[in-house]
Amino acid sequence: MPFATPVDNSTIRSRIARARMASQELERSQHDIVSMRIAQREFEAELASWKDVMQWGLYLAALQILMTLEHMRDDNAPKDPDEPWNDAFCTAVRWIPEARMFLERMSIECIRSDKR
């Protein structure tokens, strides 16, 4: 065989070793990417759950505010048309529409189907 080249086993072994190391490094890199994506999804799910809890708490607070204002209005309402309005009655009448809007907004946020 006039064209045969001598084969150096150490060169082949070093190439195989480098190829294995590159393959292992690629696997580690892909594993890290997958681990980061899983962690991101878990964080997003936890954040969504926390957001739902906070919105429900705000809904309950809005309901309590509205009920308190309506109770304050009813307790301080003038008994006859000639009686003057006191400050508690005026404050309640002024803030009830705002409290109703807040309660409605929070109820919509709690029941929305397109939440993320």
N, C-alpha and C. Protein backbone atom coordinates (compact mmCIF):
# COMPACT_ATOMS: atom_id res chain seq x y z
N MET A 1 0.83 -1.17 0.00
CA MET A 1 0.00 0.00 0.00
C MET A 1 0.88 1.24 0.00
N PRO A 2 1.04 1.80 -1.12
CA PRO A 2 1.93 2.94 -1.21
C PRO A 2 1.33 4.22 -0.62
N PHE A 3 -0.01 4.35 -0.59
CA PHE A 3 -0.61 5.60 -0.12
C PHE A 3 -1.12 5.53 1.32
N ALA A 4 -0.90 4.53 2.04
CA ALA A 4 -1.37 4.38 3.41
C ALA A 4 -0.58 5.33 4.31
N THR A 5 -1.31 6.02 5.18
CA THR A 5 -0.66 6.91 6.13
C THR A 5 -0.67 6.26 7.49
N PRO A 6 0.35 6.48 8.21
CA PRO A 6 0.36 5.88 9.53
C PRO A 6 -0.71 6.52 10.42
N VAL A 7 -1.38 5.70 11.18
CA VAL A 7 -2.45 6.18 12.07
C VAL A 7 -1.88 6.31 13.47
N ASP A 8 -2.08 7.49 14.01
CA ASP A 8 -1.59 7.74 15.37
C ASP A 8 -2.78 7.59 16.32
N ASN A 9 -2.73 6.55 17.14
CA ASN A 9 -3.84 6.26 18.06
C ASN A 9 -4.07 7.38 19.08
N SER A 10 -3.03 8.07 19.49
CA SER A 10 -3.21 9.16 20.47
C SER A 10 -3.98 10.32 19.86
N THR A 11 -3.83 10.59 18.60
CA THR A 11 -4.59 11.65 17.94
C THR A 11 -6.07 11.30 17.87
N ILE A 12 -6.34 10.07 17.51
CA ILE A 12 -7.74 9.62 17.44
C ILE A 12 -8.38 9.65 18.82
N ARG A 13 -7.66 9.17 19.82
CA ARG A 13 -8.20 9.20 21.18
C ARG A 13 -8.47 10.62 21.66
N SER A 14 -7.57 11.53 21.35
CA SER A 14 -7.79 12.92 21.78
C SER A 14 -8.97 13.55 21.07
N ARG A 15 -9.16 13.22 19.80
CA ARG A 15 -10.33 13.74 19.07
C ARG A 15 -11.62 13.18 19.66
N ILE A 16 -11.62 11.90 19.97
CA ILE A 16 -12.81 11.28 20.57
C ILE A 16 -13.10 11.90 21.93
N ALA A 17 -12.06 12.12 22.72
CA ALA A 17 -12.24 12.74 24.03
C ALA A 17 -12.80 14.16 23.90
N ARG A 18 -12.29 14.95 22.94
CA ARG A 18 -12.80 16.31 22.73
C ARG A 18 -14.26 16.28 22.27
N ALA A 19 -14.59 15.31 21.41
CA ALA A 19 -15.97 15.20 20.94
C ALA A 19 -16.91 14.85 22.09
N ARG A 20 -16.47 13.95 22.97
CA ARG A 20 -17.29 13.60 24.14
C ARG A 20 -17.48 14.80 25.06
N MET A 21 -16.39 15.54 25.29
CA MET A 21 -16.49 16.73 26.15
C MET A 21 -17.43 17.76 25.56
N ALA A 22 -17.36 17.96 24.24
CA ALA A 22 -18.25 18.91 23.59
C ALA A 22 -19.70 18.45 23.70
N SER A 23 -19.93 17.16 23.54
CA SER A 23 -21.28 16.61 23.66
C SER A 23 -21.81 16.78 25.08
N GLN A 24 -20.97 16.51 26.08
CA GLN A 24 -21.39 16.67 27.47
C GLN A 24 -21.68 18.14 27.79
N GLU A 25 -20.86 19.04 27.26
CA GLU A 25 -21.08 20.46 27.49
C GLU A 25 -22.39 20.91 26.86
N LEU A 26 -22.70 20.40 25.67
CA LEU A 26 -23.96 20.73 25.01
C LEU A 26 -25.14 20.21 25.82
N GLU A 27 -25.03 19.00 26.35
CA GLU A 27 -26.10 18.45 27.18
C GLU A 27 -26.31 19.28 28.45
N ARG A 28 -25.21 19.70 29.08
CA ARG A 28 -25.32 20.55 30.28
C ARG A 28 -26.00 21.87 29.94
N SER A 29 -25.62 22.44 28.81
CA SER A 29 -26.20 23.71 28.40
C SER A 29 -27.70 23.56 28.16
N GLN A 30 -28.11 22.51 27.46
CA GLN A 30 -29.52 22.27 27.20
C GLN A 30 -30.27 21.99 28.50
N HIS A 31 -29.65 21.26 29.41
CA HIS A 31 -30.28 20.98 30.71
C HIS A 31 -30.49 22.27 31.48
N ASP A 32 -29.50 23.16 31.45
CA ASP A 32 -29.64 24.45 32.15
C ASP A 32 -30.78 25.28 31.56
N ILE A 33 -30.91 25.27 30.23
CA ILE A 33 -31.98 26.03 29.58
C ILE A 33 -33.34 25.47 29.98
N VAL A 34 -33.48 24.15 29.96
CA VAL A 34 -34.75 23.52 30.34
C VAL A 34 -35.06 23.81 31.81
N SER A 35 -34.05 23.72 32.68
CA SER A 35 -34.26 24.01 34.10
C SER A 35 -34.72 25.44 34.32
N MET A 36 -34.13 26.37 33.59
CA MET A 36 -34.52 27.78 33.72
C MET A 36 -35.95 28.00 33.25
N ARG A 37 -36.35 27.33 32.16
CA ARG A 37 -37.71 27.48 31.66
C ARG A 37 -38.72 26.89 32.63
N ILE A 38 -38.39 25.76 33.24
CA ILE A 38 -39.28 25.16 34.24
C ILE A 38 -39.42 26.09 35.44
N ALA A 39 -38.32 26.64 35.89
CA ALA A 39 -38.36 27.56 37.02
C ALA A 39 -39.17 28.81 36.69
N GLN A 40 -39.05 29.30 35.47
CA GLN A 40 -39.82 30.48 35.04
C GLN A 40 -41.32 30.18 35.04
N ARG A 41 -41.70 29.02 34.53
CA ARG A 41 -43.12 28.64 34.52
C ARG A 41 -43.67 28.48 35.93
N GLU A 42 -42.88 27.88 36.81
CA GLU A 42 -43.32 27.73 38.21
C GLU A 42 -43.49 29.09 38.86
N PHE A 43 -42.56 30.01 38.59
CA PHE A 43 -42.66 31.36 39.14
C PHE A 43 -43.91 32.06 38.62
N GLU A 44 -44.18 31.95 37.31
CA GLU A 44 -45.36 32.58 36.73
C GLU A 44 -46.66 32.01 37.32
N ALA A 45 -46.69 30.70 37.56
CA ALA A 45 -47.88 30.08 38.15
C ALA A 45 -48.07 30.57 39.59
N GLU A 46 -46.99 30.67 40.34
CA GLU A 46 -47.07 31.17 41.71
C GLU A 46 -47.51 32.63 41.73
N LEU A 47 -46.99 33.42 40.80
CA LEU A 47 -47.37 34.83 40.72
C LEU A 47 -48.86 34.98 40.37
N ALA A 48 -49.34 34.15 39.46
CA ALA A 48 -50.76 34.20 39.10
C ALA A 48 -51.63 33.82 40.29
N SER A 49 -51.21 32.83 41.04
CA SER A 49 -51.96 32.42 42.23
C SER A 49 -51.97 33.55 43.27
N TRP A 50 -50.82 34.18 43.48
CA TRP A 50 -50.74 35.29 44.42
C TRP A 50 -51.63 36.44 43.97
N LYS A 51 -51.64 36.71 42.67
CA LYS A 51 -52.47 37.79 42.13
C LYS A 51 -53.95 37.49 42.36
N ASP A 52 -54.36 36.23 42.17
CA ASP A 52 -55.76 35.86 42.40
C ASP A 52 -56.14 36.07 43.86
N VAL A 53 -55.26 35.68 44.77
CA VAL A 53 -55.53 35.86 46.20
C VAL A 53 -55.65 37.35 46.53
N MET A 54 -54.77 38.17 45.98
CA MET A 54 -54.82 39.61 46.25
C MET A 54 -56.08 40.24 45.69
N GLN A 55 -56.48 39.83 44.48
CA GLN A 55 -57.70 40.39 43.90
C GLN A 55 -58.92 39.99 44.72
N TRP A 56 -58.97 38.76 45.20
CA TRP A 56 -60.09 38.34 46.04
C TRP A 56 -60.12 39.14 47.34
N GLY A 57 -58.95 39.37 47.91
CA GLY A 57 -58.88 40.18 49.13
C GLY A 57 -59.35 41.61 48.88
N LEU A 58 -58.97 42.18 47.75
CA LEU A 58 -59.43 43.53 47.41
C LEU A 58 -60.94 43.56 47.17
N TYR A 59 -61.47 42.51 46.56
CA TYR A 59 -62.91 42.42 46.36
C TYR A 59 -63.63 42.43 47.71
N LEU A 60 -63.15 41.61 48.65
CA LEU A 60 -63.78 41.56 49.97
C LEU A 60 -63.66 42.89 50.70
N ALA A 61 -62.52 43.56 50.55
CA ALA A 61 -62.35 44.88 51.18
C ALA A 61 -63.31 45.89 50.56
N ALA A 62 -63.47 45.84 49.25
CA ALA A 62 -64.39 46.77 48.58
C ALA A 62 -65.83 46.51 49.03
N LEU A 63 -66.18 45.25 49.18
CA LEU A 63 -67.52 44.91 49.66
C LEU A 63 -67.75 45.44 51.08
N GLN A 64 -66.75 45.28 51.92
CA GLN A 64 -66.85 45.78 53.30
C GLN A 64 -66.97 47.30 53.34
N ILE A 65 -66.22 47.98 52.49
CA ILE A 65 -66.29 49.45 52.42
C ILE A 65 -67.68 49.88 52.00
N LEU A 66 -68.21 49.24 50.95
CA LEU A 66 -69.55 49.61 50.47
C LEU A 66 -70.61 49.35 51.54
N MET A 67 -70.53 48.22 52.20
CA MET A 67 -71.51 47.92 53.25
C MET A 67 -71.41 48.92 54.40
N THR A 68 -70.20 49.31 54.76
CA THR A 68 -70.01 50.29 55.84
C THR A 68 -70.60 51.64 55.45
N LEU A 69 -70.34 52.06 54.22
CA LEU A 69 -70.88 53.35 53.76
C LEU A 69 -72.40 53.34 53.70
N GLU A 70 -72.98 52.24 53.22
CA GLU A 70 -74.44 52.16 53.17
C GLU A 70 -75.03 52.15 54.58
N HIS A 71 -74.37 51.47 55.49
CA HIS A 71 -74.84 51.46 56.88
C HIS A 71 -74.73 52.87 57.48
N MET A 72 -73.63 53.55 57.18
CA MET A 72 -73.44 54.91 57.68
C MET A 72 -74.50 55.86 57.08
N ARG A 73 -74.82 55.67 55.81
CA ARG A 73 -75.87 56.49 55.18
C ARG A 73 -77.22 56.25 55.82
N ASP A 74 -77.56 54.97 56.02
CA ASP A 74 -78.87 54.64 56.58
C ASP A 74 -79.00 55.11 58.03
N ASP A 75 -77.93 55.01 58.81
CA ASP A 75 -77.99 55.42 60.21
C ASP A 75 -78.07 56.93 60.37
N ASN A 76 -77.52 57.67 59.43
CA ASN A 76 -77.46 59.13 59.56
C ASN A 76 -78.40 59.86 58.61
N ALA A 77 -79.29 59.15 57.98
CA ALA A 77 -80.24 59.79 57.05
C ALA A 77 -81.19 60.70 57.84
N PRO A 78 -81.51 61.83 57.25
CA PRO A 78 -82.47 62.73 57.92
C PRO A 78 -83.84 62.03 58.05
N LYS A 79 -84.49 62.26 59.17
CA LYS A 79 -85.77 61.60 59.45
C LYS A 79 -86.93 62.28 58.72
N ASP A 80 -86.81 63.53 58.48
CA ASP A 80 -87.84 64.24 57.72
C ASP A 80 -87.17 65.21 56.74
N PRO A 81 -87.91 65.70 55.77
CA PRO A 81 -87.30 66.56 54.73
C PRO A 81 -86.70 67.86 55.24
N ASP A 82 -87.18 68.36 56.38
CA ASP A 82 -86.68 69.64 56.88
C ASP A 82 -85.44 69.49 57.76
N GLU A 83 -85.10 68.27 58.15
CA GLU A 83 -83.95 68.06 59.01
C GLU A 83 -82.66 68.28 58.21
N PRO A 84 -81.66 68.95 58.80
CA PRO A 84 -80.41 69.18 58.06
C PRO A 84 -79.60 67.89 57.93
N TRP A 85 -78.80 67.83 56.88
CA TRP A 85 -77.95 66.66 56.65
C TRP A 85 -76.69 66.79 57.48
N ASN A 86 -76.31 65.72 58.17
CA ASN A 86 -75.07 65.79 58.93
C ASN A 86 -73.89 65.34 58.06
N ASP A 87 -72.68 65.52 58.57
CA ASP A 87 -71.48 65.24 57.78
C ASP A 87 -71.32 63.76 57.44
N ALA A 88 -71.68 62.87 58.36
CA ALA A 88 -71.53 61.44 58.11
C ALA A 88 -72.43 61.00 56.95
N PHE A 89 -73.65 61.51 56.91
CA PHE A 89 -74.58 61.19 55.83
C PHE A 89 -74.04 61.71 54.50
N CYS A 90 -73.54 62.92 54.48
CA CYS A 90 -73.01 63.52 53.25
C CYS A 90 -71.78 62.76 52.75
N THR A 91 -70.92 62.37 53.68
CA THR A 91 -69.73 61.61 53.30
C THR A 91 -70.12 60.27 52.69
N ALA A 92 -71.06 59.59 53.31
CA ALA A 92 -71.50 58.29 52.80
C ALA A 92 -72.12 58.42 51.42
N VAL A 93 -73.00 59.41 51.25
CA VAL A 93 -73.65 59.61 49.96
C VAL A 93 -72.62 59.95 48.88
N ARG A 94 -71.61 60.69 49.26
CA ARG A 94 -70.57 61.09 48.30
C ARG A 94 -69.73 59.91 47.85
N TRP A 95 -69.39 58.98 48.76
CA TRP A 95 -68.44 57.91 48.45
C TRP A 95 -69.08 56.60 48.01
N ILE A 96 -70.37 56.43 48.17
CA ILE A 96 -71.02 55.17 47.78
C ILE A 96 -70.86 54.87 46.28
N PRO A 97 -71.06 55.81 45.37
CA PRO A 97 -70.85 55.48 43.94
C PRO A 97 -69.42 55.03 43.64
N GLU A 98 -68.46 55.67 44.25
CA GLU A 98 -67.05 55.29 44.05
C GLU A 98 -66.80 53.87 44.58
N ALA A 99 -67.36 53.57 45.74
CA ALA A 99 -67.18 52.23 46.31
C ALA A 99 -67.86 51.18 45.44
N ARG A 100 -69.03 51.49 44.88
CA ARG A 100 -69.70 50.55 43.99
C ARG A 100 -68.89 50.28 42.73
N MET A 101 -68.31 51.34 42.17
CA MET A 101 -67.47 51.15 40.97
C MET A 101 -66.25 50.30 41.28
N PHE A 102 -65.63 50.53 42.44
CA PHE A 102 -64.47 49.74 42.83
C PHE A 102 -64.85 48.27 43.04
N LEU A 103 -66.00 48.05 43.69
CA LEU A 103 -66.47 46.68 43.90
C LEU A 103 -66.76 45.99 42.57
N GLU A 104 -67.38 46.70 41.66
CA GLU A 104 -67.67 46.12 40.34
C GLU A 104 -66.38 45.80 39.59
N ARG A 105 -65.42 46.70 39.65
CA ARG A 105 -64.15 46.46 38.97
C ARG A 105 -63.44 45.23 39.55
N MET A 106 -63.44 45.10 40.86
CA MET A 106 -62.79 43.95 41.48
C MET A 106 -63.54 42.65 41.20
N SER A 107 -64.85 42.71 41.12
CA SER A 107 -65.61 41.50 40.79
C SER A 107 -65.31 41.06 39.36
N ILE A 108 -65.17 42.01 38.45
CA ILE A 108 -64.81 41.67 37.07
C ILE A 108 -63.41 41.06 37.03
N GLU A 109 -62.48 41.62 37.77
CA GLU A 109 -61.12 41.08 37.80
C GLU A 109 -61.10 39.66 38.38
N CYS A 110 -61.96 39.39 39.34
CA CYS A 110 -61.97 38.07 39.98
C CYS A 110 -62.58 36.99 39.08
N ILE A 111 -63.51 37.37 38.20
CA ILE A 111 -64.19 36.35 37.40
C ILE A 111 -63.76 36.34 35.94
N ARG A 112 -62.82 37.17 35.56
CA ARG A 112 -62.35 37.19 34.17
C ARG A 112 -61.86 35.81 33.75
N SER A 113 -62.18 35.42 32.53
CA SER A 113 -61.73 34.12 32.03
C SER A 113 -60.42 34.19 31.27
N ASP A 114 -59.98 35.37 30.93
CA ASP A 114 -58.75 35.52 30.13
C ASP A 114 -57.55 35.86 31.00
N LYS A 115 -57.59 35.45 32.26
CA LYS A 115 -56.46 35.73 33.17
C LYS A 115 -55.23 34.99 32.71
N ARG A 116 -54.09 35.58 33.01
CA ARG A 116 -52.82 34.91 32.71
C ARG A 116 -52.11 34.62 33.98
